[in-house]
Amino acid sequence: MSSPAPSDTKGSKEFVKQSNLYQEFLAEREEILKHKWIESERLGYDIGFERALLDWIRKHRDAWRTNRRAQLAAQSGARTPAAAAQKSS
């Protein structure tokens, strides 16, 4: 099997970089790195990425995702069921 042509590889990489899944991954990673920095400063030593990841998932991920979805929906002007319910109350 031959490897893909360089132009195909470049197009694939650009497609991935523009995908919503990749954008969400980058945003979540940024939050984990912020959490790592904050916790490392608080404790006085580098806690490492894995510990920060697990701690962030346990303590913050659900709320972050909920807020992120609401923020993205507001930016896109999309009406979510939750937003529609809030407006009708």
C-alpha atoms as a PDB file:
ATOM      1  CA  MET A   1       0.000   0.000   0.000  1.00  0.00           C
ATOM      2  CA  SER A   2       1.411   3.395  -0.941  1.00  0.00           C
ATOM      3  CA  SER A   3       1.423   6.443   1.303  1.00  0.00           C
ATOM      4  CA  PRO A   4      -0.921   9.324   0.493  1.00  0.00           C
ATOM      5  CA  ALA A   5       0.307  12.136  -1.712  1.00  0.00           C
ATOM      6  CA  PRO A   6       1.632  15.163   0.234  1.00  0.00           C
ATOM      7  CA  SER A   7      -1.269  17.335  -0.933  1.00  0.00           C
ATOM      8  CA  ASP A   8      -3.781  14.734   0.358  1.00  0.00           C
ATOM      9  CA  THR A   9      -2.063  14.685   3.743  1.00  0.00           C
ATOM     10  CA  LYS A  10      -2.093  18.487   3.988  1.00  0.00           C
ATOM     11  CA  GLY A  11      -5.793  18.610   3.111  1.00  0.00           C
ATOM     12  CA  SER A  12      -6.570  15.962   5.710  1.00  0.00           C
ATOM     13  CA  LYS A  13      -4.669  17.854   8.393  1.00  0.00           C
ATOM     14  CA  GLU A  14      -6.508  21.081   7.576  1.00  0.00           C
ATOM     15  CA  PHE A  15      -9.847  19.251   7.683  1.00  0.00           C
ATOM     16  CA  VAL A  16      -9.023  17.842  11.122  1.00  0.00           C
ATOM     17  CA  LYS A  17      -7.906  21.246  12.435  1.00  0.00           C
ATOM     18  CA  GLN A  18     -11.222  22.764  11.339  1.00  0.00           C
ATOM     19  CA  SER A  19     -13.382  19.973  12.781  1.00  0.00           C
ATOM     20  CA  ASN A  20     -15.608  20.678  15.768  1.00  0.00           C
ATOM     21  CA  LEU A  21     -14.281  17.613  17.567  1.00  0.00           C
ATOM     22  CA  TYR A  22     -10.698  18.846  17.331  1.00  0.00           C
ATOM     23  CA  GLN A  23     -11.707  22.355  18.424  1.00  0.00           C
ATOM     24  CA  GLU A  24     -13.456  20.890  21.480  1.00  0.00           C
ATOM     25  CA  PHE A  25     -10.392  18.778  22.261  1.00  0.00           C
ATOM     26  CA  LEU A  26      -8.172  21.885  22.152  1.00  0.00           C
ATOM     27  CA  ALA A  27     -10.543  23.889  24.363  1.00  0.00           C
ATOM     28  CA  GLU A  28     -10.754  21.093  26.921  1.00  0.00           C
ATOM     29  CA  ARG A  29      -6.979  20.621  26.884  1.00  0.00           C
ATOM     30  CA  GLU A  30      -6.526  24.342  27.545  1.00  0.00           C
ATOM     31  CA  GLU A  31      -8.802  24.116  30.590  1.00  0.00           C
ATOM     32  CA  ILE A  32      -6.863  21.126  31.913  1.00  0.00           C
ATOM     33  CA  LEU A  33      -3.583  23.014  31.508  1.00  0.00           C
ATOM     34  CA  LYS A  34      -5.060  26.003  33.391  1.00  0.00           C
ATOM     35  CA  HIS A  35      -6.195  23.652  36.160  1.00  0.00           C
ATOM     36  CA  LYS A  36      -2.721  22.087  36.269  1.00  0.00           C
ATOM     37  CA  TRP A  37      -1.124  25.500  36.669  1.00  0.00           C
ATOM     38  CA  ILE A  38      -3.549  26.647  39.377  1.00  0.00           C
ATOM     39  CA  GLU A  39      -3.255  23.443  41.404  1.00  0.00           C
ATOM     40  CA  SER A  40       0.533  23.311  41.007  1.00  0.00           C
ATOM     41  CA  GLU A  41       0.802  26.891  42.268  1.00  0.00           C
ATOM     42  CA  ARG A  42      -1.538  26.156  45.160  1.00  0.00           C
ATOM     43  CA  LEU A  43       0.404  23.058  46.228  1.00  0.00           C
ATOM     44  CA  GLY A  44       3.854  24.460  45.524  1.00  0.00           C
ATOM     45  CA  TYR A  45       4.964  21.774  43.066  1.00  0.00           C
ATOM     46  CA  ASP A  46       4.148  20.561  39.552  1.00  0.00           C
ATOM     47  CA  ILE A  47       1.311  18.044  39.851  1.00  0.00           C
ATOM     48  CA  GLY A  48       1.774  16.779  36.287  1.00  0.00           C
ATOM     49  CA  PHE A  49      -0.683  16.550  33.429  1.00  0.00           C
ATOM     50  CA  GLU A  50      -2.189  13.175  34.312  1.00  0.00           C
ATOM     51  CA  ARG A  51      -3.081  14.161  37.864  1.00  0.00           C
ATOM     52  CA  ALA A  52      -4.467  17.498  36.653  1.00  0.00           C
ATOM     53  CA  LEU A  53      -6.510  15.714  33.980  1.00  0.00           C
ATOM     54  CA  LEU A  54      -8.074  13.256  36.410  1.00  0.00           C
ATOM     55  CA  ASP A  55      -8.741  15.951  39.016  1.00  0.00           C
ATOM     56  CA  TRP A  56     -10.285  18.303  36.422  1.00  0.00           C
ATOM     57  CA  ILE A  57     -12.504  15.553  35.027  1.00  0.00           C
ATOM     58  CA  ARG A  58     -13.766  14.679  38.509  1.00  0.00           C
ATOM     59  CA  LYS A  59     -14.332  18.235  39.684  1.00  0.00           C
ATOM     60  CA  HIS A  60     -14.995  20.458  36.685  1.00  0.00           C
ATOM     61  CA  ARG A  61     -15.672  18.674  33.390  1.00  0.00           C
ATOM     62  CA  ASP A  62     -19.461  18.359  33.582  1.00  0.00           C
ATOM     63  CA  ALA A  63     -19.997  22.008  34.496  1.00  0.00           C
ATOM     64  CA  TRP A  64     -17.451  23.153  31.907  1.00  0.00           C
ATOM     65  CA  ARG A  65     -19.145  21.169  29.139  1.00  0.00           C
ATOM     66  CA  THR A  66     -22.574  22.491  30.090  1.00  0.00           C
ATOM     67  CA  ASN A  67     -21.294  26.069  30.063  1.00  0.00           C
ATOM     68  CA  ARG A  68     -19.360  25.502  26.832  1.00  0.00           C
ATOM     69  CA  ARG A  69     -22.426  24.157  25.022  1.00  0.00           C
ATOM     70  CA  ALA A  70     -24.523  27.088  26.206  1.00  0.00           C
ATOM     71  CA  GLN A  71     -21.838  29.551  25.155  1.00  0.00           C
ATOM     72  CA  LEU A  72     -21.454  27.993  21.697  1.00  0.00           C
ATOM     73  CA  ALA A  73     -25.224  27.910  21.213  1.00  0.00           C
ATOM     74  CA  ALA A  74     -25.479  31.591  22.137  1.00  0.00           C
ATOM     75  CA  GLN A  75     -22.669  32.497  19.737  1.00  0.00           C
ATOM     76  CA  SER A  76     -24.241  30.594  16.860  1.00  0.00           C
ATOM     77  CA  GLY A  77     -27.697  31.946  17.595  1.00  0.00           C
ATOM     78  CA  ALA A  78     -29.025  28.413  17.814  1.00  0.00           C
ATOM     79  CA  ARG A  79     -32.000  27.883  20.048  1.00  0.00           C
ATOM     80  CA  THR A  80     -31.499  25.003  22.422  1.00  0.00           C
ATOM     81  CA  PRO A  81     -34.422  23.452  24.341  1.00  0.00           C
ATOM     82  CA  ALA A  82     -32.951  24.800  27.596  1.00  0.00           C
ATOM     83  CA  ALA A  83     -32.651  28.320  26.164  1.00  0.00           C
ATOM     84  CA  ALA A  84     -36.194  28.187  24.818  1.00  0.00           C
ATOM     85  CA  ALA A  85     -37.481  27.067  28.229  1.00  0.00           C
ATOM     86  CA  GLN A  86     -35.646  29.938  29.965  1.00  0.00           C
ATOM     87  CA  LYS A  87     -37.084  32.517  27.591  1.00  0.00           C
ATOM     88  CA  SER A  88     -40.643  31.250  28.055  1.00  0.00           C
ATOM     89  CA  SER A  89     -40.426  31.410  31.889  1.00  0.00           C
END
